[in-house]
């Protein structure tokens, strides 16, 4: 276990008259613990930080961080808040102390406690040194990045050559390649004196990803993020995915109506919820809405995706060409094959509306692609 000096919130905050003892617990140092527990409930008070704060190790935490403190059910929470707080039946473990005056938007809730404890906040503490000691406001003369400016836009990472940073001393945080094509919320921004604007990025779960140069991202009009040009042809393979008219989730069409058809995905959105949504068009340019990419399978062209089959089919019509590829290079015609039976190892739902089978004879020789209307 890492040897981190922890501040452990105890019943000194929550239980009048309970004596405290200082000692070691679970290998940690400077742990304060009490002999009497909280019972099966605790009162938790949450808030958000109202300004940029810096920890004892120099790591900055932008305004808007969620913090919490706790007490017994019959008392009102007092004392400092914490960036990371877990309450158990006996103890409350707090990391990253934040004074009351730096916290606003407070709300209180009663929670049930069990042997697993209750995690009230789980903000990442960026180093061991930052786990203890009070956070303090960042001094203006120490801020070449300027003041925090509230933002709120959703942005999609579009340039992997820009990394993110944990502070404006340019401490490396994450590589641009690991964030490429993902969408985040820029909760705040800084207009740095170097002439660049830096965004403070959060994911859909509130996890902070650091500061990044605005040049690394494209701005979207909502949580779906920025439009990304695509162009692939995809076949709908799962009827359980409907299409949507917008990202307010207005229903457009059922997956049952769209399944086993091929469309062109002219564009896509890497939504902040973690899913990718394709913007679908048919062969005539008609729009069919947005659909989760998980409901589709991408093909190598207008023929759509390869779909395994295996059925036996008999050629019943003359004058149906067998094709060598979907650029319509002739392979052979069906006239000499009428009446013969083949195995359709695969099929393609072409964007032109027709289905094509890939035919093999009983010796495993490939015969070409044929329109399904020529067989039965």
Protein backbone atom coordinates (compact mmCIF):
# COMPACT_ATOMS: atom_id res chain seq x y z
CA UNK A 1 0.00 0.00 0.00
CA UNK A 2 1.30 3.48 -0.80
CA UNK A 3 2.52 5.37 2.23
CA UNK A 4 0.36 8.46 1.97
CA UNK A 5 -0.28 10.77 4.90
CA UNK A 6 -4.06 10.78 5.04
CA UNK A 7 -6.49 12.99 6.85
CA UNK A 8 -9.21 10.74 8.18
CA UNK A 9 -12.42 12.44 9.14
CA UNK A 10 -13.63 10.94 12.38
CA UNK A 11 -16.33 11.28 14.92
CA UNK A 12 -14.73 14.45 16.18
CA UNK A 13 -16.83 15.97 13.38
CA UNK A 14 -19.91 13.97 14.03
CA UNK A 15 -20.23 12.64 17.53
CA UNK A 16 -20.14 14.89 20.60
CA UNK A 17 -18.14 13.58 23.49
CA UNK A 18 -16.41 10.72 21.74
CA UNK A 19 -12.76 10.35 22.69
CA UNK A 20 -10.22 9.98 19.88
CA UNK A 21 -7.00 8.04 19.58
CA UNK A 22 -4.16 8.59 17.15
CA UNK A 23 -2.33 5.61 15.69
CA UNK A 24 -1.79 3.42 12.65
CA UNK A 25 -4.57 1.77 10.69
CA UNK A 26 -4.16 -0.49 7.63
CA UNK A 27 -0.54 0.58 7.27
CA UNK A 28 -1.34 4.28 6.81
CA UNK A 29 0.29 7.07 8.83
CA UNK A 30 -1.24 9.84 10.95
CA UNK A 31 -4.63 8.18 11.14
CA UNK A 32 -7.19 9.42 13.63
CA UNK A 33 -9.88 6.96 14.68
CA UNK A 34 -12.71 6.76 17.21
CA UNK A 35 -14.16 3.96 19.31
CA UNK A 36 -17.79 4.54 18.42
CA UNK A 37 -19.40 4.22 14.98
CA UNK A 38 -21.92 6.33 13.04
CA UNK A 39 -24.71 3.78 13.06
CA UNK A 40 -26.21 2.78 9.73
CA UNK A 41 -26.75 6.30 8.33
CA UNK A 42 -24.82 9.51 7.78
CA UNK A 43 -25.61 12.99 6.54
CA UNK A 44 -23.59 14.00 3.46
CA UNK A 45 -23.31 17.57 2.20
CA UNK A 46 -22.07 18.19 -1.35
CA UNK A 47 -20.95 21.36 -3.05
CA UNK A 48 -18.75 22.59 -5.90
CA UNK A 49 -15.62 24.70 -5.70
CA UNK A 50 -16.17 28.32 -6.72
CA UNK A 51 -12.65 29.16 -7.84
CA UNK A 52 -9.42 27.61 -9.06
CA UNK A 53 -7.52 25.94 -6.22
CA UNK A 54 -4.01 24.53 -5.93
CA UNK A 55 -2.84 21.62 -3.76
CA UNK A 56 0.30 21.52 -1.64
CA UNK A 57 2.18 19.83 -4.49
CA UNK A 58 1.30 22.56 -6.98
CA UNK A 59 -1.45 20.77 -8.92
CA UNK A 60 -4.33 23.04 -9.93
CA UNK A 61 -7.97 21.98 -9.60
CA UNK A 62 -10.24 24.16 -11.77
CA UNK A 63 -13.41 25.70 -10.33
CA UNK A 64 -16.38 23.34 -10.49
CA UNK A 65 -14.86 20.35 -8.66
CA UNK A 66 -17.40 18.30 -6.67
CA UNK A 67 -16.58 18.10 -2.96
CA UNK A 68 -18.30 16.65 0.13
CA UNK A 69 -18.30 16.45 3.94
CA UNK A 70 -20.30 14.39 6.41
CA UNK A 71 -21.68 14.09 9.94
CA UNK A 72 -24.01 11.95 12.02
CA UNK A 73 -27.65 11.83 11.06
CA UNK A 74 -28.71 14.06 13.95
CA UNK A 75 -26.14 16.80 13.31
CA UNK A 76 -25.38 19.45 10.71
CA UNK A 77 -22.19 19.03 8.63
CA UNK A 78 -19.39 21.42 9.57
CA UNK A 79 -15.71 21.74 8.86
CA UNK A 80 -13.86 21.38 5.54
CA UNK A 81 -14.98 19.58 2.41
CA UNK A 82 -12.91 16.99 0.55
CA UNK A 83 -12.23 16.24 -3.12
CA UNK A 84 -12.30 12.54 -2.32
CA UNK A 85 -14.47 11.24 0.49
CA UNK A 86 -15.58 7.79 1.58
CA UNK A 87 -17.75 7.24 4.66
CA UNK A 88 -17.76 3.93 6.49
CA UNK A 89 -19.56 2.64 9.56
CA UNK A 90 -16.77 3.96 11.80
CA UNK A 91 -14.62 6.33 9.76
CA UNK A 92 -14.71 8.93 7.05
CA UNK A 93 -11.61 9.06 4.85
CA UNK A 94 -10.97 12.44 3.23
CA UNK A 95 -8.34 13.51 0.67
CA UNK A 96 -7.77 17.02 -0.63
CA UNK A 97 -9.16 19.41 2.00
CA UNK A 98 -11.19 22.41 0.79
CA UNK A 99 -12.31 25.20 3.12
CA UNK A 100 -16.03 26.02 3.36
CA UNK A 101 -15.56 29.51 1.88
CA UNK A 102 -14.41 28.04 -1.42
CA UNK A 103 -17.57 25.94 -1.84
CA UNK A 104 -21.02 26.86 -3.19
CA UNK A 105 -24.19 25.16 -4.54
CA UNK A 106 -24.56 22.98 -1.47
CA UNK A 107 -27.05 20.15 -1.07
CA UNK A 108 -27.55 17.59 1.71
CA UNK A 109 -28.65 13.95 1.58
CA UNK A 110 -28.98 11.14 4.10
CA UNK A 111 -27.26 7.93 2.99
CA UNK A 112 -27.30 4.37 4.30
CA UNK A 113 -24.01 2.83 5.38
CA UNK A 114 -22.94 -0.79 5.16
CA UNK A 115 -19.74 -2.78 5.38
CA UNK A 116 -18.63 -1.53 1.96
CA UNK A 117 -18.96 2.11 2.92
CA UNK A 118 -20.29 4.98 0.80
CA UNK A 119 -18.19 6.87 -1.75
CA UNK A 120 -19.45 10.45 -1.67
CA UNK A 121 -16.89 11.86 -4.14
CA UNK A 122 -14.06 10.21 -6.00
CA UNK A 123 -12.05 12.99 -7.62
CA UNK A 124 -8.61 11.87 -8.71
CA UNK A 125 -5.84 13.19 -6.48
CA UNK A 126 -2.95 13.80 -8.83
CA UNK A 127 -0.12 12.82 -6.49
CA UNK A 128 0.53 11.49 -3.01
CA UNK A 129 1.60 14.90 -1.76
CA UNK A 130 -1.71 16.39 -2.83
CA UNK A 131 -3.74 13.97 -0.72
CA UNK A 132 -3.26 15.99 2.44
CA UNK A 133 -3.02 19.63 3.35
CA UNK A 134 -5.61 22.30 2.50
CA UNK A 135 -6.07 23.51 -1.06
CA UNK A 136 -5.59 27.25 -1.54
CA UNK A 137 -6.63 29.76 -4.21
CA UNK A 138 -4.28 30.15 -7.14
CA UNK A 139 -2.68 33.57 -6.91
CA UNK A 140 -3.21 35.84 -9.89
CA UNK A 141 0.48 36.56 -10.30
CA UNK A 142 1.07 32.83 -10.63
CA UNK A 143 -1.44 32.49 -13.46
CA UNK A 144 -0.05 33.23 -16.92
CA UNK A 145 -3.12 31.36 -18.19
CA UNK A 146 -5.36 34.12 -16.85
CA UNK A 147 -8.68 33.74 -15.08
CA UNK A 148 -11.00 30.76 -15.37
CA UNK A 149 -13.80 31.43 -17.88
CA UNK A 150 -16.91 29.28 -17.73
CA UNK A 151 -17.58 27.48 -21.02
CA UNK A 152 -19.82 24.40 -21.33
CA UNK A 153 -19.42 23.49 -25.02
CA UNK A 154 -18.95 19.92 -26.22
CA UNK A 155 -15.83 19.34 -28.28
CA UNK A 156 -14.44 16.38 -30.22
CA UNK A 157 -10.72 15.67 -30.16
CA UNK A 158 -9.57 15.94 -33.76
CA UNK A 159 -5.79 16.39 -33.62
CA UNK A 160 -3.78 13.68 -31.86
CA UNK A 161 -0.63 15.83 -31.88
CA UNK A 162 -1.90 17.85 -28.92
CA UNK A 163 -1.47 16.29 -25.46
CA UNK A 164 -3.28 17.37 -22.30
CA UNK A 165 -1.66 18.85 -19.18
CA UNK A 166 -2.36 18.66 -15.46
CA UNK A 167 -1.36 22.28 -14.87
CA UNK A 168 0.04 25.33 -16.61
CA UNK A 169 3.55 24.34 -15.62
CA UNK A 170 2.94 21.89 -18.51
CA UNK A 171 2.97 18.71 -16.48
CA UNK A 172 2.09 15.97 -19.00
CA UNK A 173 -1.24 14.24 -18.39
CA UNK A 174 -2.53 12.26 -21.39
CA UNK A 175 -1.48 11.73 -25.00
CA UNK A 176 -3.56 13.14 -27.79
CA UNK A 177 -3.59 9.76 -29.53
CA UNK A 178 -5.40 8.21 -26.54
CA UNK A 179 -8.11 10.90 -26.74
CA UNK A 180 -8.49 11.14 -30.51
CA UNK A 181 -12.10 11.20 -31.80
CA UNK A 182 -13.58 11.27 -28.30
CA UNK A 183 -16.03 13.95 -27.21
CA UNK A 184 -15.68 15.91 -23.97
CA UNK A 185 -17.31 18.88 -22.28
CA UNK A 186 -15.13 21.96 -22.02
CA UNK A 187 -16.46 23.19 -18.69
CA UNK A 188 -14.04 26.08 -18.63
CA UNK A 189 -11.30 27.78 -20.64
CA UNK A 190 -8.26 29.99 -20.18
CA UNK A 191 -6.92 32.62 -22.55
CA UNK A 192 -3.20 32.15 -21.92
CA UNK A 193 -0.72 35.00 -22.29
CA UNK A 194 1.09 32.88 -24.92
CA UNK A 195 -1.84 33.62 -27.24
CA UNK A 196 -3.50 30.20 -27.09
CA UNK A 197 -6.79 29.20 -25.49
CA UNK A 198 -6.82 26.12 -23.27
CA UNK A 199 -9.93 24.09 -22.50
CA UNK A 200 -10.59 22.16 -19.29
CA UNK A 201 -12.00 18.79 -20.42
CA UNK A 202 -14.41 16.46 -18.63
CA UNK A 203 -16.04 13.25 -19.79
CA UNK A 204 -19.68 12.24 -19.42
CA UNK A 205 -19.03 10.89 -15.90
CA UNK A 206 -17.33 14.02 -14.62
CA UNK A 207 -13.75 12.71 -14.85
CA UNK A 208 -11.26 15.46 -15.59
CA UNK A 209 -8.88 14.89 -18.54
CA UNK A 210 -6.75 17.97 -18.18
CA UNK A 211 -6.10 21.14 -20.15
CA UNK A 212 -5.68 21.11 -23.93
CA UNK A 213 -5.00 23.68 -26.60
CA UNK A 214 -8.26 24.59 -28.33
CA UNK A 215 -6.60 23.88 -31.69
CA UNK A 216 -6.82 20.16 -30.87
CA UNK A 217 -10.62 20.02 -30.98
CA UNK A 218 -13.67 20.71 -33.12
CA UNK A 219 -16.72 22.24 -31.45
CA UNK A 220 -20.06 20.43 -31.69
CA UNK A 221 -23.58 21.79 -31.30
CA UNK A 222 -24.39 19.48 -28.40
CA UNK A 223 -23.39 16.36 -26.47
CA UNK A 224 -22.99 14.46 -29.75
CA UNK A 225 -19.83 16.43 -30.43
CA UNK A 226 -18.56 17.62 -33.80
CA UNK A 227 -19.65 16.29 -37.20
CA UNK A 228 -17.00 13.97 -38.68
CA UNK A 229 -17.10 13.19 -42.40
CA UNK A 230 -17.38 9.46 -43.07
CA UNK A 231 -18.58 7.96 -46.40
CA UNK A 232 -18.59 4.23 -45.61
CA UNK A 233 -21.41 1.93 -46.65
CA UNK A 234 -22.94 0.06 -43.72
CA UNK A 235 -25.52 -2.71 -43.47
CA UNK A 236 -28.07 -2.64 -40.65
CA UNK A 237 -27.66 -5.99 -38.88
CA UNK A 238 -29.46 -5.48 -35.57
CA UNK A 239 -33.16 -4.65 -35.54
CA UNK A 240 -33.04 -3.54 -31.90
CA UNK A 241 -31.43 -0.22 -32.82
CA UNK A 242 -33.86 2.51 -33.94
CA UNK A 243 -32.86 5.67 -35.78
CA UNK A 244 -33.28 9.20 -34.40
CA UNK A 245 -34.15 12.56 -35.94
CA UNK A 246 -31.92 14.49 -33.53
CA UNK A 247 -29.82 14.09 -30.42
CA UNK A 248 -32.75 14.94 -28.22
CA UNK A 249 -33.66 11.34 -29.16
CA UNK A 250 -36.74 12.09 -31.25
CA UNK A 251 -37.78 8.75 -32.77
CA UNK A 252 -37.47 8.48 -36.55
CA UNK A 253 -37.65 4.86 -37.73
CA UNK A 254 -37.60 1.38 -36.24
CA UNK A 255 -34.66 -0.95 -36.55
CA UNK A 256 -37.08 -3.60 -37.86
CA UNK A 257 -37.76 -1.40 -40.92
CA UNK A 258 -34.07 -0.74 -41.54
CA UNK A 259 -32.48 -4.12 -40.85
CA UNK A 260 -30.85 -6.01 -43.75
CA UNK A 261 -30.51 -2.86 -45.84
CA UNK A 262 -27.40 -0.93 -46.76
CA UNK A 263 -26.94 2.82 -46.41
CA UNK A 264 -24.17 5.32 -46.78
CA UNK A 265 -22.92 6.83 -43.53
CA UNK A 266 -22.05 10.27 -44.85
CA UNK A 267 -21.06 11.50 -41.42
CA UNK A 268 -20.70 10.36 -37.82
CA UNK A 269 -20.66 11.74 -34.28
CA UNK A 270 -18.61 10.36 -31.41
CA UNK A 271 -21.09 11.17 -28.65
CA UNK A 272 -19.96 12.06 -25.13
CA UNK A 273 -21.94 9.04 -23.89
CA UNK A 274 -19.29 6.84 -25.50
CA UNK A 275 -21.29 5.67 -28.53
CA UNK A 276 -20.77 6.60 -32.19
CA UNK A 277 -23.81 7.62 -34.25
CA UNK A 278 -23.93 7.40 -38.04
CA UNK A 279 -25.92 9.73 -40.30
CA UNK A 280 -27.56 7.41 -42.86
CA UNK A 281 -28.59 8.05 -46.49
CA UNK A 282 -30.00 5.66 -49.07
CA UNK A 283 -28.97 5.37 -52.72
CA UNK A 284 -31.29 8.23 -53.72
CA UNK A 285 -29.96 10.65 -51.10
CA UNK A 286 -32.87 10.27 -48.70
CA UNK A 287 -31.87 10.75 -45.05
CA UNK A 288 -32.83 7.99 -42.59
CA UNK A 289 -31.62 9.57 -39.36
CA UNK A 290 -28.91 8.89 -36.82
CA UNK A 291 -28.24 5.35 -35.61
CA UNK A 292 -25.88 3.78 -33.10
CA UNK A 293 -22.95 2.26 -34.96
CA UNK A 294 -23.38 -0.93 -32.89
CA UNK A 295 -26.46 -1.74 -34.97
CA UNK A 296 -24.46 -1.83 -38.21
CA UNK A 297 -21.66 -3.64 -39.97
CA UNK A 298 -19.38 -1.75 -42.37
CA UNK A 299 -18.80 -3.03 -45.91
CA UNK A 300 -16.02 -2.50 -48.43
CA UNK A 301 -18.25 -0.66 -50.87
CA UNK A 302 -21.80 -0.09 -52.04
CA UNK A 303 -22.54 -3.79 -51.73
CA UNK A 304 -22.53 -3.40 -47.96
CA UNK A 305 -21.22 -5.86 -45.41
CA UNK A 306 -20.40 -9.52 -45.97
CA UNK A 307 -23.19 -11.59 -44.38
CA UNK A 308 -22.48 -15.29 -43.90
CA UNK A 309 -25.22 -17.51 -45.38
CA UNK A 310 -24.80 -21.14 -46.44
CA UNK A 311 -28.13 -21.92 -48.11
CA UNK A 312 -28.48 -24.06 -51.23
CA UNK A 313 -29.89 -22.18 -54.24
CA UNK A 314 -30.93 -23.24 -57.73
CA UNK A 315 -30.49 -20.99 -60.75
CA UNK A 316 -33.91 -20.62 -62.36
CA UNK A 317 -33.54 -17.68 -64.77
CA UNK A 318 -31.50 -17.02 -67.88
CA UNK A 319 -29.84 -13.75 -68.74
CA UNK A 320 -28.70 -13.05 -65.18
CA UNK A 321 -25.04 -12.08 -65.20
CA UNK A 322 -22.66 -13.44 -62.58
CA UNK A 323 -20.22 -10.74 -61.53
CA UNK A 324 -16.57 -10.92 -60.59
CA UNK A 325 -16.83 -7.87 -58.33
CA UNK A 326 -19.16 -5.03 -57.43
CA UNK A 327 -17.65 -2.78 -60.04
CA UNK A 328 -19.66 -5.07 -62.32
CA UNK A 329 -16.83 -6.85 -64.10
CA UNK A 330 -18.42 -9.84 -65.84
CA UNK A 331 -17.60 -13.33 -64.64
CA UNK A 332 -20.10 -15.50 -66.57
CA UNK A 333 -23.77 -15.51 -67.52
CA UNK A 334 -26.40 -17.72 -66.00
CA UNK A 335 -27.67 -19.35 -69.23
CA UNK A 336 -25.39 -22.40 -69.02
CA UNK A 337 -25.96 -22.73 -65.26
CA UNK A 338 -29.77 -22.75 -65.20
CA UNK A 339 -31.09 -25.73 -63.29
CA UNK A 340 -27.89 -26.27 -61.33
CA UNK A 341 -27.65 -25.99 -57.55
CA UNK A 342 -24.98 -24.02 -55.73
CA UNK A 343 -24.11 -22.99 -52.18
CA UNK A 344 -24.58 -19.32 -51.35
CA UNK A 345 -21.81 -18.96 -48.79
CA UNK A 346 -22.52 -15.29 -48.32
CA UNK A 347 -24.88 -12.51 -49.33
CA UNK A 348 -24.74 -8.74 -49.68
CA UNK A 349 -27.62 -6.28 -49.27
CA UNK A 350 -26.50 -3.77 -51.90
CA UNK A 351 -27.33 -0.09 -51.52
CA UNK A 352 -29.18 -0.32 -54.87
CA UNK A 353 -31.83 -2.40 -53.11
CA UNK A 354 -30.88 -5.81 -54.52
CA UNK A 355 -29.44 -8.80 -52.68
CA UNK A 356 -26.47 -10.63 -54.18
CA UNK A 357 -25.33 -14.17 -53.37
CA UNK A 358 -21.74 -15.39 -53.57
CA UNK A 359 -22.03 -18.82 -55.24
CA UNK A 360 -19.83 -21.91 -54.97
CA UNK A 361 -20.25 -25.26 -56.68
CA UNK A 362 -20.04 -28.62 -54.89
CA UNK A 363 -16.26 -28.72 -55.44
CA UNK A 364 -15.73 -25.36 -53.76
CA UNK A 365 -15.16 -23.39 -56.96
CA UNK A 366 -16.38 -19.83 -56.83
CA UNK A 367 -18.89 -18.92 -59.56
CA UNK A 368 -19.39 -15.20 -58.90
CA UNK A 369 -22.02 -12.85 -57.46
CA UNK A 370 -25.59 -13.11 -58.69
CA UNK A 371 -28.78 -11.15 -58.03
CA UNK A 372 -31.02 -13.15 -55.71
CA UNK A 373 -33.90 -12.78 -58.18
CA UNK A 374 -32.12 -15.23 -60.48
CA UNK A 375 -32.25 -18.09 -57.97
CA UNK A 376 -34.58 -19.78 -55.56
